[in-house]
Amino acid sequence: MTLDVVNGNNEKVGAVELSDEVFGRRVKAGLIWEAVVQENAAERRGTHATKNRALVSGSGKKPWRQKGTGRARVGEIRNPLWRKGGTVFGPMPRSYAYDLPKKVRRGALVAALAQKLSDGAVIVVDRLEANDRKTKTTAQLLKRLGATGKTLVIEVTPDEGFTVSARNIPGVTLVTSNRVTARDVIDTARVVTTREALEKLQAMLNAEG
């Protein structure tokens, strides 16, 4: 598989060869789903809480004696059977994060990239720079490349000017090649990557395979 490499004016300046061993396989949607769910779970705050019988307000004194009153026995007014009593087994603060095997995360990223490649949604550029650090200039650059709407930009070492100007554009996300995930790729309309970033990403996925 070969992709054209373009410059900032969307003019072809070269080509990059992609390995069929990495991106030519069948897209495994199940792996993408697992990776997305895992990443979403890790971002859940998990701050929900309920009060158990130890936390609700009220006395711990026994309301009446155990026997002889004709009423049901009770130990304290905070017991879960009474109104305003404690909650039994209610949700408590917790972390929803869990780990996925490295091969699953790698396979999910490969599948997500392969899906975008088959959709023709990957744009490879020689470099991404914004010397004037103006948002308007970067927005026009992305528009010339055909990247409108939600766009993922992948770079090895992002240019400082491009980083500063791109962060003000709605829908544009900039990540480095060693931190990109399957959720980043699948949750976007266009993927703009530099040639260097794509080659490093392919080398990494080849080595892990």
N, C-alpha and C. Protein backbone atom coordinates (compact mmCIF):
# COMPACT_ATOMS: atom_id res chain seq x y z
N MET A 1 0.84 -1.18 0.00
CA MET A 1 0.00 0.00 0.00
C MET A 1 0.89 1.24 0.00
N THR A 2 0.56 2.19 -0.86
CA THR A 2 1.34 3.42 -0.97
C THR A 2 0.43 4.62 -0.81
N LEU A 3 0.88 5.60 -0.01
CA LEU A 3 0.13 6.83 0.19
C LEU A 3 0.96 8.01 -0.31
N ASP A 4 0.28 8.96 -0.92
CA ASP A 4 0.95 10.17 -1.37
C ASP A 4 1.31 11.05 -0.18
N VAL A 5 2.45 11.72 -0.28
CA VAL A 5 2.88 12.71 0.70
C VAL A 5 2.73 14.08 0.07
N VAL A 6 2.03 14.99 0.74
CA VAL A 6 1.76 16.32 0.19
C VAL A 6 2.41 17.39 1.07
N ASN A 7 2.52 18.58 0.51
CA ASN A 7 3.04 19.70 1.29
C ASN A 7 1.86 20.53 1.81
N GLY A 8 2.17 21.71 2.36
CA GLY A 8 1.13 22.54 2.92
C GLY A 8 0.13 23.07 1.92
N ASN A 9 0.47 23.03 0.63
CA ASN A 9 -0.45 23.47 -0.42
C ASN A 9 -1.19 22.31 -1.07
N ASN A 10 -1.09 21.15 -0.43
CA ASN A 10 -1.75 19.93 -0.91
C ASN A 10 -1.20 19.49 -2.27
N GLU A 11 0.10 19.72 -2.49
CA GLU A 11 0.76 19.29 -3.71
C GLU A 11 1.63 18.07 -3.40
N LYS A 12 1.56 17.08 -4.25
CA LYS A 12 2.30 15.85 -4.02
C LYS A 12 3.81 16.11 -4.09
N VAL A 13 4.50 15.65 -3.05
CA VAL A 13 5.96 15.83 -3.01
C VAL A 13 6.68 14.50 -2.78
N GLY A 14 5.93 13.41 -2.71
CA GLY A 14 6.57 12.11 -2.49
C GLY A 14 5.53 11.04 -2.19
N ALA A 15 5.99 9.93 -1.69
CA ALA A 15 5.11 8.81 -1.34
C ALA A 15 5.71 8.05 -0.17
N VAL A 16 4.85 7.36 0.55
CA VAL A 16 5.29 6.54 1.67
C VAL A 16 4.70 5.14 1.52
N GLU A 17 5.53 4.15 1.75
CA GLU A 17 5.11 2.75 1.61
C GLU A 17 4.63 2.24 2.96
N LEU A 18 3.45 1.64 2.96
CA LEU A 18 2.88 1.06 4.18
C LEU A 18 2.93 -0.46 4.11
N SER A 19 3.23 -1.07 5.24
CA SER A 19 3.36 -2.51 5.31
C SER A 19 1.99 -3.18 5.33
N ASP A 20 1.80 -4.15 4.43
CA ASP A 20 0.56 -4.92 4.45
C ASP A 20 0.46 -5.80 5.69
N GLU A 21 1.61 -6.12 6.28
CA GLU A 21 1.62 -6.93 7.49
C GLU A 21 0.97 -6.18 8.65
N VAL A 22 1.04 -4.86 8.60
CA VAL A 22 0.47 -4.05 9.68
C VAL A 22 -0.92 -3.55 9.31
N PHE A 23 -1.03 -2.90 8.17
CA PHE A 23 -2.28 -2.23 7.82
C PHE A 23 -3.12 -2.97 6.78
N GLY A 24 -2.64 -4.10 6.31
CA GLY A 24 -3.38 -4.81 5.28
C GLY A 24 -4.25 -5.93 5.80
N ARG A 25 -4.34 -6.05 7.10
CA ARG A 25 -5.13 -7.12 7.68
C ARG A 25 -6.61 -6.75 7.77
N ARG A 26 -7.42 -7.76 8.11
CA ARG A 26 -8.85 -7.53 8.30
C ARG A 26 -9.06 -6.64 9.53
N VAL A 27 -9.96 -5.69 9.41
CA VAL A 27 -10.25 -4.78 10.52
C VAL A 27 -11.06 -5.52 11.59
N LYS A 28 -10.50 -5.60 12.79
CA LYS A 28 -11.17 -6.28 13.90
C LYS A 28 -11.87 -5.23 14.76
N ALA A 29 -13.15 -5.06 14.49
CA ALA A 29 -13.91 -4.04 15.19
C ALA A 29 -14.02 -4.33 16.69
N GLY A 30 -13.98 -5.61 17.06
CA GLY A 30 -14.08 -5.96 18.47
C GLY A 30 -12.93 -5.43 19.29
N LEU A 31 -11.75 -5.41 18.71
CA LEU A 31 -10.59 -4.88 19.42
C LEU A 31 -10.73 -3.37 19.63
N ILE A 32 -11.23 -2.68 18.62
CA ILE A 32 -11.44 -1.23 18.74
C ILE A 32 -12.43 -0.96 19.86
N TRP A 33 -13.50 -1.72 19.90
CA TRP A 33 -14.53 -1.55 20.94
C TRP A 33 -13.93 -1.74 22.32
N GLU A 34 -13.13 -2.78 22.51
CA GLU A 34 -12.52 -3.05 23.81
C GLU A 34 -11.62 -1.90 24.24
N ALA A 35 -10.82 -1.39 23.32
CA ALA A 35 -9.90 -0.31 23.65
C ALA A 35 -10.64 0.98 23.99
N VAL A 36 -11.70 1.28 23.26
CA VAL A 36 -12.48 2.49 23.51
C VAL A 36 -13.16 2.40 24.88
N VAL A 37 -13.77 1.27 25.18
CA VAL A 37 -14.45 1.09 26.47
C VAL A 37 -13.45 1.22 27.62
N GLN A 38 -12.27 0.62 27.45
CA GLN A 38 -11.25 0.68 28.51
C GLN A 38 -10.79 2.12 28.76
N GLU A 39 -10.59 2.88 27.69
CA GLU A 39 -10.12 4.26 27.85
C GLU A 39 -11.22 5.14 28.43
N ASN A 40 -12.46 4.90 28.04
CA ASN A 40 -13.58 5.65 28.62
C ASN A 40 -13.72 5.34 30.11
N ALA A 41 -13.57 4.08 30.46
CA ALA A 41 -13.70 3.68 31.87
C ALA A 41 -12.63 4.34 32.73
N ALA A 42 -11.42 4.46 32.19
CA ALA A 42 -10.33 5.06 32.96
C ALA A 42 -10.58 6.53 33.25
N GLU A 43 -11.43 7.17 32.45
CA GLU A 43 -11.70 8.60 32.64
C GLU A 43 -12.91 8.86 33.53
N ARG A 44 -13.63 7.81 33.92
CA ARG A 44 -14.76 8.00 34.83
C ARG A 44 -14.27 8.48 36.19
N ARG A 45 -14.91 9.44 36.77
CA ARG A 45 -14.45 10.02 38.02
C ARG A 45 -14.70 9.10 39.20
N GLY A 46 -15.81 8.38 39.19
CA GLY A 46 -16.08 7.44 40.26
C GLY A 46 -16.22 8.09 41.63
N THR A 47 -16.81 9.30 41.69
CA THR A 47 -16.94 10.00 42.96
C THR A 47 -18.31 9.81 43.61
N HIS A 48 -19.14 8.95 43.05
CA HIS A 48 -20.47 8.72 43.62
C HIS A 48 -20.34 8.08 45.01
N ALA A 49 -21.26 8.43 45.90
CA ALA A 49 -21.20 7.88 47.26
C ALA A 49 -22.57 7.92 47.92
N THR A 50 -22.84 6.95 48.77
CA THR A 50 -24.05 6.94 49.60
C THR A 50 -23.63 6.76 51.05
N LYS A 51 -24.49 7.12 51.96
CA LYS A 51 -24.18 6.99 53.38
C LYS A 51 -24.68 5.65 53.92
N ASN A 52 -23.78 4.93 54.53
CA ASN A 52 -24.19 3.69 55.20
C ASN A 52 -24.61 4.00 56.63
N ARG A 53 -24.89 3.01 57.43
CA ARG A 53 -25.42 3.24 58.77
C ARG A 53 -24.39 3.92 59.69
N ALA A 54 -23.12 3.85 59.29
CA ALA A 54 -22.09 4.51 60.10
C ALA A 54 -21.98 5.99 59.78
N LEU A 55 -22.50 6.42 58.61
CA LEU A 55 -22.32 7.80 58.18
C LEU A 55 -23.56 8.67 58.34
N VAL A 56 -24.76 8.07 58.38
CA VAL A 56 -25.97 8.89 58.52
C VAL A 56 -26.04 9.46 59.93
N SER A 57 -26.71 10.61 60.05
CA SER A 57 -26.81 11.26 61.35
C SER A 57 -27.86 10.55 62.21
N GLY A 58 -27.69 10.64 63.50
CA GLY A 58 -28.63 10.01 64.42
C GLY A 58 -27.91 9.29 65.53
N SER A 59 -28.62 9.02 66.58
CA SER A 59 -28.05 8.38 67.76
C SER A 59 -27.83 6.88 67.52
N GLY A 60 -26.85 6.35 68.20
CA GLY A 60 -26.61 4.91 68.15
C GLY A 60 -27.24 4.19 69.33
N LYS A 61 -28.02 4.93 70.10
CA LYS A 61 -28.66 4.35 71.28
C LYS A 61 -29.85 3.46 70.87
N LYS A 62 -30.04 2.40 71.63
CA LYS A 62 -31.18 1.51 71.36
C LYS A 62 -32.47 2.23 71.74
N PRO A 63 -33.43 2.37 70.78
CA PRO A 63 -34.64 3.17 71.06
C PRO A 63 -35.49 2.64 72.23
N TRP A 64 -35.64 1.37 72.33
CA TRP A 64 -36.39 0.74 73.43
C TRP A 64 -35.79 -0.62 73.75
N ARG A 65 -36.22 -1.17 74.86
CA ARG A 65 -35.64 -2.44 75.29
C ARG A 65 -35.99 -3.55 74.33
N GLN A 66 -35.23 -4.62 74.41
CA GLN A 66 -35.34 -5.70 73.43
C GLN A 66 -36.69 -6.40 73.51
N LYS A 67 -37.18 -6.64 74.69
CA LYS A 67 -38.40 -7.44 74.84
C LYS A 67 -39.42 -6.71 75.71
N GLY A 68 -40.66 -7.14 75.56
CA GLY A 68 -41.71 -6.68 76.46
C GLY A 68 -42.51 -5.49 76.00
N THR A 69 -42.14 -4.86 74.87
CA THR A 69 -42.90 -3.67 74.42
C THR A 69 -43.97 -4.02 73.39
N GLY A 70 -43.87 -5.20 72.78
CA GLY A 70 -44.81 -5.56 71.73
C GLY A 70 -44.39 -5.07 70.36
N ARG A 71 -43.35 -4.31 70.33
CA ARG A 71 -42.86 -3.80 69.04
C ARG A 71 -41.67 -4.63 68.56
N ALA A 72 -41.37 -4.47 67.27
CA ALA A 72 -40.24 -5.21 66.71
C ALA A 72 -38.94 -4.74 67.36
N ARG A 73 -38.02 -5.66 67.52
CA ARG A 73 -36.72 -5.30 68.09
C ARG A 73 -35.93 -4.42 67.10
N VAL A 74 -35.21 -3.49 67.66
CA VAL A 74 -34.41 -2.59 66.82
C VAL A 74 -33.20 -2.14 67.64
N GLY A 75 -32.08 -1.97 66.95
CA GLY A 75 -30.84 -1.63 67.65
C GLY A 75 -30.53 -0.14 67.65
N GLU A 76 -30.88 0.57 66.57
CA GLU A 76 -30.60 2.00 66.47
C GLU A 76 -31.47 2.59 65.39
N ILE A 77 -31.63 3.90 65.43
CA ILE A 77 -32.51 4.55 64.45
C ILE A 77 -31.84 4.69 63.09
N ARG A 78 -30.54 4.40 63.02
CA ARG A 78 -29.82 4.52 61.76
C ARG A 78 -29.85 3.23 60.94
N ASN A 79 -30.56 2.22 61.38
CA ASN A 79 -30.54 0.94 60.67
C ASN A 79 -31.21 1.07 59.31
N PRO A 80 -30.80 0.29 58.33
CA PRO A 80 -31.27 0.45 56.94
C PRO A 80 -32.76 0.22 56.73
N LEU A 81 -33.45 -0.41 57.68
CA LEU A 81 -34.88 -0.67 57.51
C LEU A 81 -35.74 0.55 57.81
N TRP A 82 -35.18 1.51 58.46
CA TRP A 82 -35.94 2.69 58.84
C TRP A 82 -35.74 3.81 57.83
N ARG A 83 -36.74 4.69 57.78
CA ARG A 83 -36.65 5.89 56.95
C ARG A 83 -35.48 6.74 57.42
N LYS A 84 -34.71 7.26 56.48
CA LYS A 84 -33.51 8.04 56.74
C LYS A 84 -32.38 7.21 57.34
N GLY A 85 -32.50 5.89 57.24
CA GLY A 85 -31.43 5.03 57.72
C GLY A 85 -30.32 4.90 56.69
N GLY A 86 -29.30 4.14 57.03
CA GLY A 86 -28.17 3.96 56.12
C GLY A 86 -28.53 3.10 54.92
N THR A 87 -27.77 3.27 53.84
CA THR A 87 -27.96 2.49 52.62
C THR A 87 -27.07 1.25 52.66
N VAL A 88 -27.64 0.12 52.28
CA VAL A 88 -26.89 -1.14 52.27
C VAL A 88 -26.27 -1.36 50.89
N PHE A 89 -24.98 -1.61 50.85
CA PHE A 89 -24.26 -1.91 49.61
C PHE A 89 -24.48 -0.84 48.52
N GLY A 90 -24.55 0.41 48.93
CA GLY A 90 -24.70 1.49 47.95
C GLY A 90 -23.39 1.80 47.26
N PRO A 91 -23.43 2.57 46.17
CA PRO A 91 -22.19 2.91 45.46
C PRO A 91 -21.27 3.75 46.33
N MET A 92 -19.99 3.46 46.26
CA MET A 92 -18.98 4.19 47.01
C MET A 92 -17.88 4.64 46.05
N PRO A 93 -17.09 5.66 46.41
CA PRO A 93 -16.01 6.11 45.52
C PRO A 93 -15.10 4.97 45.11
N ARG A 94 -14.81 4.90 43.83
CA ARG A 94 -13.98 3.82 43.29
C ARG A 94 -13.37 4.24 41.96
N SER A 95 -12.40 3.51 41.53
CA SER A 95 -11.79 3.72 40.22
C SER A 95 -12.31 2.65 39.26
N TYR A 96 -12.69 3.10 38.06
CA TYR A 96 -13.18 2.16 37.04
C TYR A 96 -12.07 1.73 36.09
N ALA A 97 -10.86 2.20 36.33
CA ALA A 97 -9.75 1.90 35.42
C ALA A 97 -9.36 0.43 35.50
N TYR A 98 -9.01 -0.12 34.36
CA TYR A 98 -8.48 -1.49 34.30
C TYR A 98 -7.53 -1.57 33.12
N ASP A 99 -6.68 -2.57 33.14
CA ASP A 99 -5.66 -2.72 32.11
C ASP A 99 -6.12 -3.65 31.00
N LEU A 100 -5.60 -3.39 29.80
CA LEU A 100 -5.79 -4.30 28.67
C LEU A 100 -4.44 -4.87 28.30
N PRO A 101 -4.39 -6.10 27.81
CA PRO A 101 -3.11 -6.65 27.34
C PRO A 101 -2.52 -5.77 26.25
N LYS A 102 -1.20 -5.71 26.22
CA LYS A 102 -0.51 -4.86 25.25
C LYS A 102 -0.88 -5.23 23.82
N LYS A 103 -1.04 -6.52 23.56
CA LYS A 103 -1.39 -6.95 22.20
C LYS A 103 -2.78 -6.48 21.80
N VAL A 104 -3.69 -6.40 22.77
CA VAL A 104 -5.04 -5.92 22.47
C VAL A 104 -5.01 -4.44 22.12
N ARG A 105 -4.27 -3.65 22.90
CA ARG A 105 -4.16 -2.21 22.61
C ARG A 105 -3.50 -1.98 21.26
N ARG A 106 -2.44 -2.75 20.98
CA ARG A 106 -1.75 -2.62 19.71
C ARG A 106 -2.66 -3.02 18.55
N GLY A 107 -3.37 -4.14 18.71
CA GLY A 107 -4.28 -4.60 17.66
C GLY A 107 -5.41 -3.63 17.41
N ALA A 108 -5.89 -2.98 18.48
CA ALA A 108 -6.96 -2.00 18.34
C ALA A 108 -6.48 -0.78 17.55
N LEU A 109 -5.26 -0.33 17.83
CA LEU A 109 -4.71 0.83 17.10
C LEU A 109 -4.50 0.48 15.63
N VAL A 110 -3.98 -0.71 15.37
CA VAL A 110 -3.79 -1.15 13.98
C VAL A 110 -5.13 -1.20 13.25
N ALA A 111 -6.15 -1.76 13.92
CA ALA A 111 -7.47 -1.88 13.29
C ALA A 111 -8.07 -0.51 13.01
N ALA A 112 -7.90 0.43 13.95
CA ALA A 112 -8.46 1.77 13.77
C ALA A 112 -7.77 2.48 12.61
N LEU A 113 -6.45 2.38 12.54
CA LEU A 113 -5.72 3.01 11.43
C LEU A 113 -6.08 2.36 10.09
N ALA A 114 -6.19 1.03 10.09
CA ALA A 114 -6.56 0.33 8.86
C ALA A 114 -7.94 0.75 8.37
N GLN A 115 -8.86 0.97 9.33
CA GLN A 115 -10.20 1.42 8.95
C GLN A 115 -10.17 2.80 8.31
N LYS A 116 -9.39 3.71 8.89
CA LYS A 116 -9.29 5.06 8.32
C LYS A 116 -8.59 5.04 6.97
N LEU A 117 -7.61 4.17 6.82
CA LEU A 117 -6.93 4.05 5.53
C LEU A 117 -7.89 3.54 4.45
N SER A 118 -8.69 2.56 4.80
CA SER A 118 -9.65 2.02 3.83
C SER A 118 -10.72 3.04 3.48
N ASP A 119 -11.01 3.94 4.42
CA ASP A 119 -12.00 4.99 4.17
C ASP A 119 -11.41 6.18 3.42
N GLY A 120 -10.09 6.16 3.20
CA GLY A 120 -9.44 7.28 2.52
C GLY A 120 -9.39 8.54 3.37
N ALA A 121 -9.35 8.36 4.69
CA ALA A 121 -9.42 9.50 5.60
C ALA A 121 -8.06 9.88 6.19
N VAL A 122 -6.96 9.32 5.66
CA VAL A 122 -5.63 9.60 6.17
C VAL A 122 -4.89 10.51 5.19
N ILE A 123 -4.37 11.61 5.69
CA ILE A 123 -3.62 12.57 4.88
C ILE A 123 -2.20 12.63 5.42
N VAL A 124 -1.22 12.41 4.56
CA VAL A 124 0.18 12.43 4.96
C VAL A 124 0.85 13.68 4.41
N VAL A 125 1.46 14.46 5.29
CA VAL A 125 2.14 15.69 4.88
C VAL A 125 3.62 15.60 5.21
N ASP A 126 4.42 16.41 4.52
CA ASP A 126 5.86 16.36 4.77
C ASP A 126 6.22 17.02 6.10
N ARG A 127 5.53 18.13 6.43
CA ARG A 127 5.78 18.78 7.72
C ARG A 127 4.59 19.66 8.07
N LEU A 128 4.45 19.94 9.37
CA LEU A 128 3.38 20.81 9.86
C LEU A 128 4.02 21.93 10.68
N GLU A 129 3.96 23.13 10.13
CA GLU A 129 4.57 24.28 10.80
C GLU A 129 3.63 25.48 10.74
N ALA A 130 3.77 26.33 11.74
CA ALA A 130 3.03 27.60 11.76
C ALA A 130 3.94 28.65 12.38
N ASN A 131 4.76 29.27 11.54
CA ASN A 131 5.77 30.19 12.04
C ASN A 131 5.17 31.46 12.65
N ASP A 132 4.00 31.87 12.13
CA ASP A 132 3.40 33.10 12.66
C ASP A 132 2.52 32.84 13.88
N ARG A 133 2.28 31.56 14.20
CA ARG A 133 1.49 31.17 15.38
C ARG A 133 0.07 31.72 15.34
N LYS A 134 -0.47 31.87 14.16
CA LYS A 134 -1.83 32.38 14.03
C LYS A 134 -2.80 31.24 13.75
N THR A 135 -3.90 31.26 14.49
CA THR A 135 -4.91 30.23 14.33
C THR A 135 -5.49 30.24 12.92
N LYS A 136 -5.66 31.44 12.36
CA LYS A 136 -6.23 31.56 11.00
C LYS A 136 -5.34 30.86 9.98
N THR A 137 -4.02 31.01 10.12
CA THR A 137 -3.09 30.38 9.18
C THR A 137 -3.17 28.86 9.26
N THR A 138 -3.20 28.33 10.47
CA THR A 138 -3.28 26.87 10.65
C THR A 138 -4.62 26.33 10.17
N ALA A 139 -5.69 27.07 10.41
CA ALA A 139 -7.01 26.65 9.93
C ALA A 139 -7.04 26.59 8.41
N GLN A 140 -6.43 27.57 7.76
CA GLN A 140 -6.37 27.57 6.30
C GLN A 140 -5.52 26.42 5.78
N LEU A 141 -4.43 26.11 6.49
CA LEU A 141 -3.58 24.98 6.11
C LEU A 141 -4.37 23.67 6.14
N LEU A 142 -5.11 23.45 7.21
CA LEU A 142 -5.89 22.22 7.33
C LEU A 142 -7.00 22.18 6.27
N LYS A 143 -7.57 23.33 5.97
CA LYS A 143 -8.62 23.38 4.95
C LYS A 143 -8.07 23.02 3.59
N ARG A 144 -6.86 23.51 3.27
CA ARG A 144 -6.23 23.16 1.99
C ARG A 144 -5.96 21.66 1.90
N LEU A 145 -5.68 21.05 3.03
CA LEU A 145 -5.41 19.61 3.04
C LEU A 145 -6.70 18.78 2.98
N GLY A 146 -7.84 19.45 3.10
CA GLY A 146 -9.12 18.74 3.06
C GLY A 146 -9.53 18.21 4.41
N ALA A 147 -8.91 18.72 5.48
CA ALA A 147 -9.23 18.26 6.83
C ALA A 147 -10.20 19.25 7.46
N THR A 148 -11.49 18.95 7.35
CA THR A 148 -12.52 19.77 7.97
C THR A 148 -13.27 18.94 9.00
N GLY A 149 -13.87 19.61 9.95
CA GLY A 149 -14.56 18.89 11.01
C GLY A 149 -13.57 18.33 12.02
N LYS A 150 -13.95 17.21 12.63
CA LYS A 150 -13.07 16.60 13.64
C LYS A 150 -11.82 16.05 12.96
N THR A 151 -10.68 16.52 13.41
CA THR A 151 -9.41 16.14 12.79
C THR A 151 -8.41 15.74 13.86
N LEU A 152 -7.74 14.62 13.63
CA LEU A 152 -6.66 14.18 14.51
C LEU A 152 -5.34 14.45 13.80
N VAL A 153 -4.45 15.17 14.46
CA VAL A 153 -3.14 15.48 13.91
C VAL A 153 -2.09 14.70 14.69
N ILE A 154 -1.29 13.90 13.98
CA ILE A 154 -0.26 13.07 14.61
C ILE A 154 1.11 13.59 14.19
N GLU A 155 1.95 13.84 15.17
CA GLU A 155 3.28 14.36 14.92
C GLU A 155 4.26 13.70 15.89
N VAL A 156 5.53 13.65 15.53
CA VAL A 156 6.55 13.08 16.42
C VAL A 156 6.90 14.10 17.50
N THR A 157 7.39 15.25 17.07
CA THR A 157 7.66 16.37 17.98
C THR A 157 6.95 17.59 17.42
N PRO A 158 5.76 17.90 17.92
CA PRO A 158 4.97 18.99 17.33
C PRO A 158 5.70 20.32 17.35
N ASP A 159 5.56 21.05 16.24
CA ASP A 159 6.10 22.40 16.16
C ASP A 159 5.37 23.29 17.17
N GLU A 160 6.11 24.08 17.91
CA GLU A 160 5.51 24.89 18.97
C GLU A 160 4.48 25.87 18.40
N GLY A 161 4.81 26.48 17.29
CA GLY A 161 3.88 27.42 16.67
C GLY A 161 2.59 26.74 16.22
N PHE A 162 2.73 25.55 15.63
CA PHE A 162 1.55 24.81 15.19
C PHE A 162 0.72 24.38 16.39
N THR A 163 1.37 23.95 17.47
CA THR A 163 0.66 23.52 18.67
C THR A 163 -0.16 24.65 19.26
N VAL A 164 0.45 25.83 19.36
CA VAL A 164 -0.22 26.99 19.95
C VAL A 164 -1.41 27.42 19.11
N SER A 165 -1.26 27.41 17.80
CA SER A 165 -2.34 27.88 16.92
C SER A 165 -3.43 26.83 16.72
N ALA A 166 -3.08 25.55 16.73
CA ALA A 166 -4.06 24.49 16.46
C ALA A 166 -4.99 24.24 17.63
N ARG A 167 -4.53 24.55 18.85
CA ARG A 167 -5.36 24.24 20.01
C ARG A 167 -6.60 25.12 20.11
N ASN A 168 -6.63 26.21 19.33
CA ASN A 168 -7.80 27.09 19.33
C ASN A 168 -8.83 26.71 18.27
N ILE A 169 -8.54 25.69 17.46
CA ILE A 169 -9.46 25.30 16.39
C ILE A 169 -10.39 24.21 16.92
N PRO A 170 -11.70 24.44 16.91
CA PRO A 170 -12.64 23.43 17.40
C PRO A 170 -12.54 22.13 16.61
N GLY A 171 -12.50 21.01 17.32
CA GLY A 171 -12.49 19.71 16.66
C GLY A 171 -11.13 19.19 16.29
N VAL A 172 -10.07 19.98 16.46
CA VAL A 172 -8.71 19.55 16.10
C VAL A 172 -7.99 19.06 17.35
N THR A 173 -7.47 17.84 17.29
CA THR A 173 -6.73 17.25 18.40
C THR A 173 -5.33 16.90 17.93
N LEU A 174 -4.33 17.31 18.69
CA LEU A 174 -2.93 17.06 18.34
C LEU A 174 -2.34 16.08 19.34
N VAL A 175 -1.81 14.96 18.84
CA VAL A 175 -1.17 13.96 19.71
C VAL A 175 0.16 13.55 19.08
N THR A 176 1.06 13.07 19.93
CA THR A 176 2.34 12.56 19.43
C THR A 176 2.18 11.11 19.01
N SER A 177 3.07 10.65 18.14
CA SER A 177 2.94 9.30 17.57
C SER A 177 3.08 8.20 18.62
N ASN A 178 3.79 8.48 19.72
CA ASN A 178 3.96 7.45 20.74
C ASN A 178 2.84 7.44 21.77
N ARG A 179 1.86 8.34 21.64
CA ARG A 179 0.76 8.39 22.58
C ARG A 179 -0.61 8.24 21.92
N VAL A 180 -0.65 8.09 20.63
CA VAL A 180 -1.94 7.97 19.95
C VAL A 180 -2.59 6.64 20.31
N THR A 181 -3.91 6.66 20.47
CA THR A 181 -4.67 5.46 20.83
C THR A 181 -5.74 5.17 19.79
N ALA A 182 -6.34 4.00 19.89
CA ALA A 182 -7.39 3.61 18.96
C ALA A 182 -8.59 4.55 19.06
N ARG A 183 -8.89 5.01 20.27
CA ARG A 183 -10.02 5.93 20.43
C ARG A 183 -9.75 7.26 19.75
N ASP A 184 -8.51 7.74 19.83
CA ASP A 184 -8.16 8.98 19.14
C ASP A 184 -8.43 8.86 17.64
N VAL A 185 -8.04 7.73 17.07
CA VAL A 185 -8.13 7.54 15.62
C VAL A 185 -9.57 7.34 15.17
N ILE A 186 -10.30 6.51 15.88
CA ILE A 186 -11.64 6.14 15.42
C ILE A 186 -12.64 7.26 15.66
N ASP A 187 -12.35 8.15 16.62
CA ASP A 187 -13.29 9.22 16.96
C ASP A 187 -12.95 10.50 16.22
N THR A 188 -12.69 10.41 14.95
CA THR A 188 -12.36 11.59 14.15
C THR A 188 -12.75 11.34 12.70
N ALA A 189 -12.94 12.43 11.98
CA ALA A 189 -13.31 12.31 10.57
C ALA A 189 -12.08 12.19 9.68
N ARG A 190 -11.02 12.91 10.03
CA ARG A 190 -9.79 12.92 9.23
C ARG A 190 -8.58 12.71 10.13
N VAL A 191 -7.58 12.03 9.62
CA VAL A 191 -6.31 11.85 10.31
C VAL A 191 -5.22 12.51 9.46
N VAL A 192 -4.60 13.54 10.02
CA VAL A 192 -3.49 14.22 9.35
C VAL A 192 -2.21 13.84 10.09
N THR A 193 -1.27 13.24 9.39
CA THR A 193 -0.02 12.81 10.02
C THR A 193 1.17 13.20 9.16
N THR A 194 2.25 13.53 9.81
CA THR A 194 3.48 13.79 9.06
C THR A 194 4.07 12.46 8.61
N ARG A 195 4.89 12.53 7.61
CA ARG A 195 5.53 11.31 7.10
C ARG A 195 6.37 10.65 8.19
N GLU A 196 7.11 11.46 8.92
CA GLU A 196 7.97 10.92 9.98
C GLU A 196 7.15 10.22 11.05
N ALA A 197 6.03 10.81 11.43
CA ALA A 197 5.18 10.22 12.47
C ALA A 197 4.60 8.89 12.01
N LEU A 198 4.15 8.84 10.75
CA LEU A 198 3.58 7.60 10.23
C LEU A 198 4.62 6.50 10.16
N GLU A 199 5.83 6.84 9.74
CA GLU A 199 6.90 5.84 9.65
C GLU A 199 7.29 5.33 11.04
N LYS A 200 7.38 6.23 12.02
CA LYS A 200 7.71 5.82 13.38
C LYS A 200 6.60 4.95 13.97
N LEU A 201 5.37 5.33 13.69
CA LEU A 201 4.23 4.56 14.18
C LEU A 201 4.22 3.17 13.57
N GLN A 202 4.50 3.08 12.27
CA GLN A 202 4.54 1.78 11.60
C GLN A 202 5.69 0.93 12.14
N ALA A 203 6.85 1.53 12.38
CA ALA A 203 7.99 0.80 12.93
C ALA A 203 7.66 0.27 14.32
N MET A 204 6.99 1.07 15.13
CA MET A 204 6.63 0.64 16.47
C MET A 204 5.65 -0.53 16.44
N LEU A 205 4.65 -0.42 15.58
CA LEU A 205 3.66 -1.50 15.49
C LEU A 205 4.25 -2.76 14.91
N ASN A 206 5.20 -2.62 13.97
CA ASN A 206 5.91 -3.77 13.43
C ASN A 206 6.75 -4.48 14.49
N ALA A 207 7.43 -3.67 15.32
CA ALA A 207 8.28 -4.24 16.36
C ALA A 207 7.46 -4.98 17.41
N GLU A 208 6.29 -4.41 17.75
CA GLU A 208 5.44 -5.04 18.76
C GLU A 208 4.74 -6.27 18.22
N GLY A 209 4.59 -6.33 16.88
CA GLY A 209 3.92 -7.48 16.29
C GLY A 209 4.79 -8.69 16.30
